[in-house]
Amino acid sequence: MEKITLLIVLLGFITLVVIFNFYYVEIHEAEELNKYEANQKVIFKGKIIDVKKEFGENKIYLDNGINFSCSCFLDEEDKVVVHGIIREFNNLKRIEVVKIEIFRVEI
């Protein structure tokens, strides 16, 4: 009986660890960032409409109003899926990019 209880507890603990480590909230527009606390994992997608160089990084602007910074090479018209974490500094929320999936548009 003790072995079964231990097994159930371990499975529950592993399930919680997996949920908290891999759970991303999908956002669709920039205003949704205010709904979530800092350190929340988010995922969003969109088409790049503008790329500007700022402070040694590229500032990427998407068609849904979301923007983020990265030291990556992206082109306008590319479609991206971004995994990130909401960070807050001086009451401003930003997205720290963890992973970018790029879908190039062929001309």
PDB file of N, CA and C in Angstrom:
ATOM      1  N   MET A   1       0.817  -1.193   0.000  1.00  0.00           N
ATOM      2  CA  MET A   1       0.000   0.000   0.000  1.00  0.00           C
ATOM      3  C   MET A   1       0.866   1.265   0.000  1.00  0.00           C
ATOM      4  N   GLU A   2       1.982   1.257   0.732  1.00  0.00           N
ATOM      5  CA  GLU A   2       2.861   2.420   0.780  1.00  0.00           C
ATOM      6  C   GLU A   2       3.509   2.682  -0.571  1.00  0.00           C
ATOM      7  N   LYS A   3       3.799   1.623  -1.310  1.00  0.00           N
ATOM      8  CA  LYS A   3       4.406   1.790  -2.623  1.00  0.00           C
ATOM      9  C   LYS A   3       3.436   2.440  -3.595  1.00  0.00           C
ATOM     10  N   ILE A   4       2.174   2.086  -3.516  1.00  0.00           N
ATOM     11  CA  ILE A   4       1.155   2.681  -4.389  1.00  0.00           C
ATOM     12  C   ILE A   4       0.991   4.167  -4.058  1.00  0.00           C
ATOM     13  N   THR A   5       0.945   4.485  -2.783  1.00  0.00           N
ATOM     14  CA  THR A   5       0.823   5.883  -2.359  1.00  0.00           C
ATOM     15  C   THR A   5       2.014   6.695  -2.837  1.00  0.00           C
ATOM     16  N   LEU A   6       3.216   6.150  -2.670  1.00  0.00           N
ATOM     17  CA  LEU A   6       4.419   6.837  -3.124  1.00  0.00           C
ATOM     18  C   LEU A   6       4.392   7.052  -4.633  1.00  0.00           C
ATOM     19  N   LEU A   7       3.952   6.047  -5.371  1.00  0.00           N
ATOM     20  CA  LEU A   7       3.866   6.151  -6.833  1.00  0.00           C
ATOM     21  C   LEU A   7       2.877   7.243  -7.244  1.00  0.00           C
ATOM     22  N   ILE A   8       1.735   7.303  -6.586  1.00  0.00           N
ATOM     23  CA  ILE A   8       0.726   8.324  -6.906  1.00  0.00           C
ATOM     24  C   ILE A   8       1.266   9.724  -6.604  1.00  0.00           C
ATOM     25  N   VAL A   9       1.940   9.879  -5.478  1.00  0.00           N
ATOM     26  CA  VAL A   9       2.519  11.178  -5.113  1.00  0.00           C
ATOM     27  C   VAL A   9       3.575  11.592  -6.130  1.00  0.00           C
ATOM     28  N   LEU A  10       4.441  10.682  -6.519  1.00  0.00           N
ATOM     29  CA  LEU A  10       5.483  10.999  -7.503  1.00  0.00           C
ATOM     30  C   LEU A  10       4.890  11.362  -8.855  1.00  0.00           C
ATOM     31  N   LEU A  11       3.876  10.627  -9.301  1.00  0.00           N
ATOM     32  CA  LEU A  11       3.229  10.956 -10.577  1.00  0.00           C
ATOM     33  C   LEU A  11       2.568  12.334 -10.519  1.00  0.00           C
ATOM     34  N   GLY A  12       1.940  12.659  -9.396  1.00  0.00           N
ATOM     35  CA  GLY A  12       1.334  13.985  -9.235  1.00  0.00           C
ATOM     36  C   GLY A  12       2.371  15.084  -9.264  1.00  0.00           C
ATOM     37  N   PHE A  13       3.479  14.873  -8.589  1.00  0.00           N
ATOM     38  CA  PHE A  13       4.550  15.858  -8.564  1.00  0.00           C
ATOM     39  C   PHE A  13       5.137  16.059  -9.956  1.00  0.00           C
ATOM     40  N   ILE A  14       5.386  14.984 -10.666  1.00  0.00           N
ATOM     41  CA  ILE A  14       5.932  15.077 -12.029  1.00  0.00           C
ATOM     42  C   ILE A  14       4.957  15.799 -12.943  1.00  0.00           C
ATOM     43  N   THR A  15       3.673  15.517 -12.803  1.00  0.00           N
ATOM     44  CA  THR A  15       2.658  16.200 -13.615  1.00  0.00           C
ATOM     45  C   THR A  15       2.671  17.705 -13.361  1.00  0.00           C
ATOM     46  N   LEU A  16       2.763  18.108 -12.107  1.00  0.00           N
ATOM     47  CA  LEU A  16       2.814  19.538 -11.785  1.00  0.00           C
ATOM     48  C   LEU A  16       4.063  20.201 -12.358  1.00  0.00           C
ATOM     49  N   VAL A  17       5.184  19.546 -12.272  1.00  0.00           N
ATOM     50  CA  VAL A  17       6.425  20.098 -12.823  1.00  0.00           C
ATOM     51  C   VAL A  17       6.301  20.281 -14.321  1.00  0.00           C
ATOM     52  N   VAL A  18       5.746  19.306 -15.015  1.00  0.00           N
ATOM     53  CA  VAL A  18       5.576  19.402 -16.467  1.00  0.00           C
ATOM     54  C   VAL A  18       4.624  20.533 -16.823  1.00  0.00           C
ATOM     55  N   ILE A  19       3.522  20.652 -16.120  1.00  0.00           N
ATOM     56  CA  ILE A  19       2.541  21.710 -16.407  1.00  0.00           C
ATOM     57  C   ILE A  19       3.172  23.091 -16.218  1.00  0.00           C
ATOM     58  N   PHE A  20       3.880  23.288 -15.112  1.00  0.00           N
ATOM     59  CA  PHE A  20       4.441  24.611 -14.837  1.00  0.00           C
ATOM     60  C   PHE A  20       5.639  24.949 -15.711  1.00  0.00           C
ATOM     61  N   ASN A  21       6.348  23.967 -16.219  1.00  0.00           N
ATOM     62  CA  ASN A  21       7.507  24.246 -17.065  1.00  0.00           C
ATOM     63  C   ASN A  21       7.162  24.414 -18.530  1.00  0.00           C
ATOM     64  N   PHE A  22       6.094  23.826 -18.991  1.00  0.00           N
ATOM     65  CA  PHE A  22       5.789  23.856 -20.408  1.00  0.00           C
ATOM     66  C   PHE A  22       4.491  24.577 -20.742  1.00  0.00           C
ATOM     67  N   TYR A  23       3.881  25.245 -19.782  1.00  0.00           N
ATOM     68  CA  TYR A  23       2.608  25.913 -20.014  1.00  0.00           C
ATOM     69  C   TYR A  23       2.838  27.322 -20.541  1.00  0.00           C
ATOM     70  N   TYR A  24       2.389  27.578 -21.752  1.00  0.00           N
ATOM     71  CA  TYR A  24       2.474  28.898 -22.370  1.00  0.00           C
ATOM     72  C   TYR A  24       1.065  29.425 -22.605  1.00  0.00           C
ATOM     73  N   VAL A  25       0.852  30.701 -22.356  1.00  0.00           N
ATOM     74  CA  VAL A  25      -0.416  31.359 -22.646  1.00  0.00           C
ATOM     75  C   VAL A  25      -0.291  31.993 -24.017  1.00  0.00           C
ATOM     76  N   GLU A  26      -1.261  31.774 -24.877  1.00  0.00           N
ATOM     77  CA  GLU A  26      -1.213  32.377 -26.211  1.00  0.00           C
ATOM     78  C   GLU A  26      -1.822  33.772 -26.154  1.00  0.00           C
ATOM     79  N   ILE A  27      -1.083  34.744 -26.687  1.00  0.00           N
ATOM     80  CA  ILE A  27      -1.607  36.106 -26.772  1.00  0.00           C
ATOM     81  C   ILE A  27      -1.757  36.478 -28.243  1.00  0.00           C
ATOM     82  N   HIS A  28      -2.734  37.346 -28.512  1.00  0.00           N
ATOM     83  CA  HIS A  28      -3.058  37.708 -29.895  1.00  0.00           C
ATOM     84  C   HIS A  28      -2.802  39.170 -30.213  1.00  0.00           C
ATOM     85  N   GLU A  29      -2.694  40.010 -29.187  1.00  0.00           N
ATOM     86  CA  GLU A  29      -2.420  41.434 -29.411  1.00  0.00           C
ATOM     87  C   GLU A  29      -1.676  41.996 -28.209  1.00  0.00           C
ATOM     88  N   ALA A  30      -1.036  43.134 -28.403  1.00  0.00           N
ATOM     89  CA  ALA A  30      -0.147  43.712 -27.397  1.00  0.00           C
ATOM     90  C   ALA A  30      -0.878  44.053 -26.091  1.00  0.00           C
ATOM     91  N   GLU A  31      -2.126  44.453 -26.155  1.00  0.00           N
ATOM     92  CA  GLU A  31      -2.865  44.844 -24.960  1.00  0.00           C
ATOM     93  C   GLU A  31      -3.047  43.683 -23.990  1.00  0.00           C
ATOM     94  N   GLU A  32      -2.979  42.462 -24.474  1.00  0.00           N
ATOM     95  CA  GLU A  32      -3.156  41.294 -23.614  1.00  0.00           C
ATOM     96  C   GLU A  32      -1.994  41.110 -22.636  1.00  0.00           C
ATOM     97  N   LEU A  33      -0.865  41.734 -22.892  1.00  0.00           N
ATOM     98  CA  LEU A  33       0.272  41.616 -21.975  1.00  0.00           C
ATOM     99  C   LEU A  33      -0.078  42.122 -20.587  1.00  0.00           C
ATOM    100  N   ASN A  34      -0.938  43.129 -20.505  1.00  0.00           N
ATOM    101  CA  ASN A  34      -1.300  43.709 -19.214  1.00  0.00           C
ATOM    102  C   ASN A  34      -2.134  42.764 -18.353  1.00  0.00           C
ATOM    103  N   LYS A  35      -2.714  41.744 -18.953  1.00  0.00           N
ATOM    104  CA  LYS A  35      -3.526  40.781 -18.202  1.00  0.00           C
ATOM    105  C   LYS A  35      -2.667  39.853 -17.349  1.00  0.00           C
ATOM    106  N   TYR A  36      -1.408  39.700 -17.711  1.00  0.00           N
ATOM    107  CA  TYR A  36      -0.580  38.671 -17.096  1.00  0.00           C
ATOM    108  C   TYR A  36       0.534  39.286 -16.252  1.00  0.00           C
ATOM    109  N   GLU A  37       0.936  38.531 -15.263  1.00  0.00           N
ATOM    110  CA  GLU A  37       2.005  38.943 -14.360  1.00  0.00           C
ATOM    111  C   GLU A  37       3.368  38.711 -15.006  1.00  0.00           C
ATOM    112  N   ALA A  38       4.384  39.312 -14.422  1.00  0.00           N
ATOM    113  CA  ALA A  38       5.754  39.072 -14.867  1.00  0.00           C
ATOM    114  C   ALA A  38       6.088  37.592 -14.668  1.00  0.00           C
ATOM    115  N   ASN A  39       6.972  37.100 -15.505  1.00  0.00           N
ATOM    116  CA  ASN A  39       7.442  35.711 -15.510  1.00  0.00           C
ATOM    117  C   ASN A  39       6.441  34.722 -16.105  1.00  0.00           C
ATOM    118  N   GLN A  40       5.331  35.203 -16.643  1.00  0.00           N
ATOM    119  CA  GLN A  40       4.381  34.327 -17.332  1.00  0.00           C
ATOM    120  C   GLN A  40       4.948  33.958 -18.690  1.00  0.00           C
ATOM    121  N   LYS A  41       4.898  32.684 -19.030  1.00  0.00           N
ATOM    122  CA  LYS A  41       5.353  32.241 -20.341  1.00  0.00           C
ATOM    123  C   LYS A  41       4.239  32.499 -21.347  1.00  0.00           C
ATOM    124  N   VAL A  42       4.613  33.075 -22.495  1.00  0.00           N
ATOM    125  CA  VAL A  42       3.631  33.398 -23.532  1.00  0.00           C
ATOM    126  C   VAL A  42       4.114  32.885 -24.885  1.00  0.00           C
ATOM    127  N   ILE A  43       3.168  32.725 -25.772  1.00  0.00           N
ATOM    128  CA  ILE A  43       3.467  32.369 -27.153  1.00  0.00           C
ATOM    129  C   ILE A  43       2.580  33.248 -28.030  1.00  0.00           C
ATOM    130  N   PHE A  44       3.146  33.751 -29.118  1.00  0.00           N
ATOM    131  CA  PHE A  44       2.359  34.554 -30.054  1.00  0.00           C
ATOM    132  C   PHE A  44       2.925  34.366 -31.451  1.00  0.00           C
ATOM    133  N   LYS A  45       2.108  34.701 -32.435  1.00  0.00           N
ATOM    134  CA  LYS A  45       2.547  34.565 -33.819  1.00  0.00           C
ATOM    135  C   LYS A  45       2.065  35.760 -34.612  1.00  0.00           C
ATOM    136  N   GLY A  46       2.724  35.986 -35.721  1.00  0.00           N
ATOM    137  CA  GLY A  46       2.330  37.090 -36.567  1.00  0.00           C
ATOM    138  C   GLY A  46       3.266  37.238 -37.750  1.00  0.00           C
ATOM    139  N   LYS A  47       2.918  38.182 -38.592  1.00  0.00           N
ATOM    140  CA  LYS A  47       3.713  38.498 -39.773  1.00  0.00           C
ATOM    141  C   LYS A  47       4.506  39.760 -39.489  1.00  0.00           C
ATOM    142  N   ILE A  48       5.783  39.745 -39.814  1.00  0.00           N
ATOM    143  CA  ILE A  48       6.648  40.894 -39.559  1.00  0.00           C
ATOM    144  C   ILE A  48       6.310  42.008 -40.546  1.00  0.00           C
ATOM    145  N   ILE A  49       6.047  43.199 -40.002  1.00  0.00           N
ATOM    146  CA  ILE A  49       5.757  44.341 -40.875  1.00  0.00           C
ATOM    147  C   ILE A  49       6.893  45.359 -40.888  1.00  0.00           C
ATOM    148  N   ASP A  50       7.765  45.297 -39.868  1.00  0.00           N
ATOM    149  CA  ASP A  50       8.879  46.252 -39.828  1.00  0.00           C
ATOM    150  C   ASP A  50      10.001  45.694 -38.948  1.00  0.00           C
ATOM    151  N   VAL A  51      11.226  45.988 -39.342  1.00  0.00           N
ATOM    152  CA  VAL A  51      12.412  45.616 -38.564  1.00  0.00           C
ATOM    153  C   VAL A  51      13.277  46.858 -38.437  1.00  0.00           C
ATOM    154  N   LYS A  52      13.581  47.269 -37.198  1.00  0.00           N
ATOM    155  CA  LYS A  52      14.418  48.448 -36.972  1.00  0.00           C
ATOM    156  C   LYS A  52      15.576  48.068 -36.054  1.00  0.00           C
ATOM    157  N   LYS A  53      16.722  48.647 -36.337  1.00  0.00           N
ATOM    158  CA  LYS A  53      17.917  48.423 -35.517  1.00  0.00           C
ATOM    159  C   LYS A  53      17.890  49.406 -34.360  1.00  0.00           C
ATOM    160  N   GLU A  54      17.909  48.905 -33.105  1.00  0.00           N
ATOM    161  CA  GLU A  54      17.916  49.764 -31.919  1.00  0.00           C
ATOM    162  C   GLU A  54      18.865  49.184 -30.881  1.00  0.00           C
ATOM    163  N   PHE A  55      19.828  49.958 -30.455  1.00  0.00           N
ATOM    164  CA  PHE A  55      20.747  49.582 -29.386  1.00  0.00           C
ATOM    165  C   PHE A  55      21.427  48.239 -29.651  1.00  0.00           C
ATOM    166  N   GLY A  56      21.816  48.001 -30.874  1.00  0.00           N
ATOM    167  CA  GLY A  56      22.531  46.783 -31.216  1.00  0.00           C
ATOM    168  C   GLY A  56      21.660  45.561 -31.413  1.00  0.00           C
ATOM    169  N   GLU A  57      20.354  45.719 -31.288  1.00  0.00           N
ATOM    170  CA  GLU A  57      19.425  44.622 -31.504  1.00  0.00           C
ATOM    171  C   GLU A  57      18.393  45.040 -32.546  1.00  0.00           C
ATOM    172  N   ASN A  58      17.686  44.060 -33.054  1.00  0.00           N
ATOM    173  CA  ASN A  58      16.605  44.335 -33.990  1.00  0.00           C
ATOM    174  C   ASN A  58      15.289  44.440 -33.224  1.00  0.00           C
ATOM    175  N   LYS A  59      14.556  45.496 -33.464  1.00  0.00           N
ATOM    176  CA  LYS A  59      13.214  45.652 -32.905  1.00  0.00           C
ATOM    177  C   LYS A  59      12.254  45.164 -33.986  1.00  0.00           C
ATOM    178  N   ILE A  60      11.499  44.124 -33.677  1.00  0.00           N
ATOM    179  CA  ILE A  60      10.613  43.479 -34.639  1.00  0.00           C
ATOM    180  C   ILE A  60       9.177  43.896 -34.347  1.00  0.00           C
ATOM    181  N   TYR A  61       8.473  44.374 -35.355  1.00  0.00           N
ATOM    182  CA  TYR A  61       7.084  44.787 -35.237  1.00  0.00           C
ATOM    183  C   TYR A  61       6.213  43.812 -36.034  1.00  0.00           C
ATOM    184  N   LEU A  62       5.189  43.268 -35.364  1.00  0.00           N
ATOM    185  CA  LEU A  62       4.291  42.313 -36.021  1.00  0.00           C
ATOM    186  C   LEU A  62       2.981  42.977 -36.407  1.00  0.00           C
ATOM    187  N   ASP A  63       2.258  42.325 -37.289  1.00  0.00           N
ATOM    188  CA  ASP A  63       0.991  42.864 -37.782  1.00  0.00           C
ATOM    189  C   ASP A  63      -0.100  42.917 -36.713  1.00  0.00           C
ATOM    190  N   ASN A  64       0.062  42.216 -35.602  1.00  0.00           N
ATOM    191  CA  ASN A  64      -0.948  42.223 -34.543  1.00  0.00           C
ATOM    192  C   ASN A  64      -0.648  43.250 -33.450  1.00  0.00           C
ATOM    193  N   GLY A  65       0.359  44.103 -33.645  1.00  0.00           N
ATOM    194  CA  GLY A  65       0.683  45.142 -32.691  1.00  0.00           C
ATOM    195  C   GLY A  65       1.725  44.742 -31.658  1.00  0.00           C
ATOM    196  N   ILE A  66       2.107  43.486 -31.632  1.00  0.00           N
ATOM    197  CA  ILE A  66       3.122  43.021 -30.691  1.00  0.00           C
ATOM    198  C   ILE A  66       4.499  43.320 -31.267  1.00  0.00           C
ATOM    199  N   ASN A  67       5.413  43.759 -30.410  1.00  0.00           N
ATOM    200  CA  ASN A  67       6.790  43.955 -30.850  1.00  0.00           C
ATOM    201  C   ASN A  67       7.733  43.367 -29.819  1.00  0.00           C
ATOM    202  N   PHE A  68       8.922  43.024 -30.281  1.00  0.00           N
ATOM    203  CA  PHE A  68       9.924  42.427 -29.407  1.00  0.00           C
ATOM    204  C   PHE A  68      11.297  42.708 -29.968  1.00  0.00           C
ATOM    205  N   SER A  69      12.306  42.547 -29.130  1.00  0.00           N
ATOM    206  CA  SER A  69      13.691  42.765 -29.547  1.00  0.00           C
ATOM    207  C   SER A  69      14.428  41.443 -29.553  1.00  0.00           C
ATOM    208  N   CYS A  70      15.332  41.303 -30.506  1.00  0.00           N
ATOM    209  CA  CYS A  70      16.168  40.106 -30.535  1.00  0.00           C
ATOM    210  C   CYS A  70      17.426  40.414 -31.345  1.00  0.00           C
ATOM    211  N   SER A  71      18.460  39.642 -31.093  1.00  0.00           N
ATOM    212  CA  SER A  71      19.671  39.760 -31.896  1.00  0.00           C
ATOM    213  C   SER A  71      19.627  38.654 -32.941  1.00  0.00           C
ATOM    214  N   CYS A  72      18.666  38.777 -33.822  1.00  0.00           N
ATOM    215  CA  CYS A  72      18.425  37.764 -34.842  1.00  0.00           C
ATOM    216  C   CYS A  72      18.275  38.454 -36.201  1.00  0.00           C
ATOM    217  N   PHE A  73      18.296  37.671 -37.243  1.00  0.00           N
ATOM    218  CA  PHE A  73      18.159  38.200 -38.595  1.00  0.00           C
ATOM    219  C   PHE A  73      16.817  37.771 -39.156  1.00  0.00           C
ATOM    220  N   LEU A  74      15.889  38.704 -39.166  1.00  0.00           N
ATOM    221  CA  LEU A  74      14.556  38.447 -39.701  1.00  0.00           C
ATOM    222  C   LEU A  74      14.262  39.461 -40.790  1.00  0.00           C
ATOM    223  N   ASP A  75      13.459  39.056 -41.740  1.00  0.00           N
ATOM    224  CA  ASP A  75      13.078  39.931 -42.843  1.00  0.00           C
ATOM    225  C   ASP A  75      11.616  40.309 -42.732  1.00  0.00           C
ATOM    226  N   GLU A  76      11.290  41.477 -43.289  1.00  0.00           N
ATOM    227  CA  GLU A  76       9.877  41.839 -43.389  1.00  0.00           C
ATOM    228  C   GLU A  76       9.174  40.786 -44.229  1.00  0.00           C
ATOM    229  N   GLU A  77       7.922  40.565 -43.939  1.00  0.00           N
ATOM    230  CA  GLU A  77       7.075  39.580 -44.608  1.00  0.00           C
ATOM    231  C   GLU A  77       7.267  38.158 -44.080  1.00  0.00           C
ATOM    232  N   ASP A  78       8.298  37.896 -43.260  1.00  0.00           N
ATOM    233  CA  ASP A  78       8.430  36.579 -42.643  1.00  0.00           C
ATOM    234  C   ASP A  78       7.303  36.395 -41.635  1.00  0.00           C
ATOM    235  N   LYS A  79       6.903  35.167 -41.438  1.00  0.00           N
ATOM    236  CA  LYS A  79       5.943  34.843 -40.391  1.00  0.00           C
ATOM    237  C   LYS A  79       6.702  34.149 -39.273  1.00  0.00           C
ATOM    238  N   VAL A  80       6.358  34.495 -38.029  1.00  0.00           N
ATOM    239  CA  VAL A  80       7.083  33.942 -36.887  1.00  0.00           C
ATOM    240  C   VAL A  80       6.123  33.445 -35.809  1.00  0.00           C
ATOM    241  N   VAL A  81       6.594  32.470 -35.072  1.00  0.00           N
ATOM    242  CA  VAL A  81       5.957  32.035 -33.827  1.00  0.00           C
ATOM    243  C   VAL A  81       7.012  32.246 -32.753  1.00  0.00           C
ATOM    244  N   VAL A  82       6.664  33.014 -31.727  1.00  0.00           N
ATOM    245  CA  VAL A  82       7.630  33.393 -30.704  1.00  0.00           C
ATOM    246  C   VAL A  82       7.188  32.845 -29.348  1.00  0.00           C
ATOM    247  N   HIS A  83       8.121  32.193 -28.667  1.00  0.00           N
ATOM    248  CA  HIS A  83       7.926  31.751 -27.290  1.00  0.00           C
ATOM    249  C   HIS A  83       8.709  32.719 -26.426  1.00  0.00           C
ATOM    250  N   GLY A  84       8.073  33.247 -25.394  1.00  0.00           N
ATOM    251  CA  GLY A  84       8.768  34.215 -24.563  1.00  0.00           C
ATOM    252  C   GLY A  84       8.267  34.244 -23.138  1.00  0.00           C
ATOM    253  N   ILE A  85       8.868  35.113 -22.360  1.00  0.00           N
ATOM    254  CA  ILE A  85       8.505  35.308 -20.955  1.00  0.00           C
ATOM    255  C   ILE A  85       8.263  36.789 -20.738  1.00  0.00           C
ATOM    256  N   ILE A  86       7.167  37.125 -20.076  1.00  0.00           N
ATOM    257  CA  ILE A  86       6.877  38.519 -19.779  1.00  0.00           C
ATOM    258  C   ILE A  86       7.808  38.987 -18.667  1.00  0.00           C
ATOM    259  N   ARG A  87       8.496  40.085 -18.920  1.00  0.00           N
ATOM    260  CA  ARG A  87       9.371  40.703 -17.921  1.00  0.00           C
ATOM    261  C   ARG A  87       8.850  42.114 -17.658  1.00  0.00           C
ATOM    262  N   GLU A  88       9.029  42.580 -16.430  1.00  0.00           N
ATOM    263  CA  GLU A  88       8.561  43.919 -16.074  1.00  0.00           C
ATOM    264  C   GLU A  88       9.713  44.721 -15.492  1.00  0.00           C
ATOM    265  N   PHE A  89       9.879  45.945 -15.993  1.00  0.00           N
ATOM    266  CA  PHE A  89      10.912  46.847 -15.507  1.00  0.00           C
ATOM    267  C   PHE A  89      10.353  48.261 -15.542  1.00  0.00           C
ATOM    268  N   ASN A  90      10.385  48.952 -14.411  1.00  0.00           N
ATOM    269  CA  ASN A  90       9.813  50.306 -14.295  1.00  0.00           C
ATOM    270  C   ASN A  90       8.359  50.343 -14.756  1.00  0.00           C
ATOM    271  N   ASN A  91       7.591  49.350 -14.360  1.00  0.00           N
ATOM    272  CA  ASN A  91       6.163  49.231 -14.691  1.00  0.00           C
ATOM    273  C   ASN A  91       5.881  49.081 -16.180  1.00  0.00           C
ATOM    274  N   LEU A  92       6.883  48.727 -16.961  1.00  0.00           N
ATOM    275  CA  LEU A  92       6.684  48.448 -18.378  1.00  0.00           C
ATOM    276  C   LEU A  92       6.901  46.967 -18.615  1.00  0.00           C
ATOM    277  N   LYS A  93       5.961  46.356 -19.319  1.00  0.00           N
ATOM    278  CA  LYS A  93       6.068  44.928 -19.604  1.00  0.00           C
ATOM    279  C   LYS A  93       6.695  44.733 -20.972  1.00  0.00           C
ATOM    280  N   ARG A  94       7.650  43.817 -21.014  1.00  0.00           N
ATOM    281  CA  ARG A  94       8.348  43.468 -22.249  1.00  0.00           C
ATOM    282  C   ARG A  94       8.359  41.957 -22.374  1.00  0.00           C
ATOM    283  N   ILE A  95       8.664  41.493 -23.562  1.00  0.00           N
ATOM    284  CA  ILE A  95       8.751  40.059 -23.792  1.00  0.00           C
ATOM    285  C   ILE A  95      10.206  39.681 -23.987  1.00  0.00           C
ATOM    286  N   GLU A  96      10.676  38.790 -23.151  1.00  0.00           N
ATOM    287  CA  GLU A  96      12.009  38.233 -23.322  1.00  0.00           C
ATOM    288  C   GLU A  96      11.865  36.993 -24.202  1.00  0.00           C
ATOM    289  N   VAL A  97      12.495  37.027 -25.354  1.00  0.00           N
ATOM    290  CA  VAL A  97      12.346  35.951 -26.328  1.00  0.00           C
ATOM    291  C   VAL A  97      13.150  34.736 -25.893  1.00  0.00           C
ATOM    292  N   VAL A  98      12.502  33.581 -25.909  1.00  0.00           N
ATOM    293  CA  VAL A  98      13.150  32.319 -25.585  1.00  0.00           C
ATOM    294  C   VAL A  98      13.426  31.535 -26.862  1.00  0.00           C
ATOM    295  N   LYS A  99      12.456  31.550 -27.772  1.00  0.00           N
ATOM    296  CA  LYS A  99      12.572  30.758 -29.005  1.00  0.00           C
ATOM    297  C   LYS A  99      11.768  31.433 -30.107  1.00  0.00           C
ATOM    298  N   ILE A 100      12.319  31.423 -31.321  1.00  0.00           N
ATOM    299  CA  ILE A 100      11.617  31.974 -32.487  1.00  0.00           C
ATOM    300  C   ILE A 100      11.581  30.913 -33.576  1.00  0.00           C
ATOM    301  N   GLU A 101      10.386  30.659 -34.075  1.00  0.00           N
ATOM    302  CA  GLU A 101      10.226  29.777 -35.231  1.00  0.00           C
ATOM    303  C   GLU A 101       9.922  30.682 -36.425  1.00  0.00           C
ATOM    304  N   ILE A 102      10.713  30.549 -37.488  1.00  0.00           N
ATOM    305  CA  ILE A 102      10.593  31.434 -38.645  1.00  0.00           C
ATOM    306  C   ILE A 102      10.025  30.663 -39.818  1.00  0.00           C
ATOM    307  N   PHE A 103       9.046  31.269 -40.473  1.00  0.00           N
ATOM    308  CA  PHE A 103       8.464  30.716 -41.689  1.00  0.00           C
ATOM    309  C   PHE A 103       8.709  31.728 -42.800  1.00  0.00           C
ATOM    310  N   ARG A 104       9.733  31.486 -43.597  1.00  0.00           N
ATOM    311  CA  ARG A 104      10.144  32.431 -44.642  1.00  0.00           C
ATOM    312  C   ARG A 104       9.128  32.465 -45.778  1.00  0.00           C
ATOM    313  N   VAL A 105       8.922  33.663 -46.282  1.00  0.00           N
ATOM    314  CA  VAL A 105       8.049  33.849 -47.427  1.00  0.00           C
ATOM    315  C   VAL A 105       8.936  33.905 -48.660  1.00  0.00           C
ATOM    316  N   GLU A 106       8.732  33.008 -49.559  1.00  0.00           N
ATOM    317  CA  GLU A 106       9.526  32.964 -50.800  1.00  0.00           C
ATOM    318  C   GLU A 106       8.948  33.936 -51.810  1.00  0.00           C
ATOM    319  N   ILE A 107       9.838  34.639 -52.499  1.00  0.00           N
ATOM    320  CA  ILE A 107       9.395  35.602 -53.524  1.00  0.00           C
ATOM    321  C   ILE A 107       9.631  35.021 -54.886  1.00  0.00           C
TER     322      ILE A 107
END
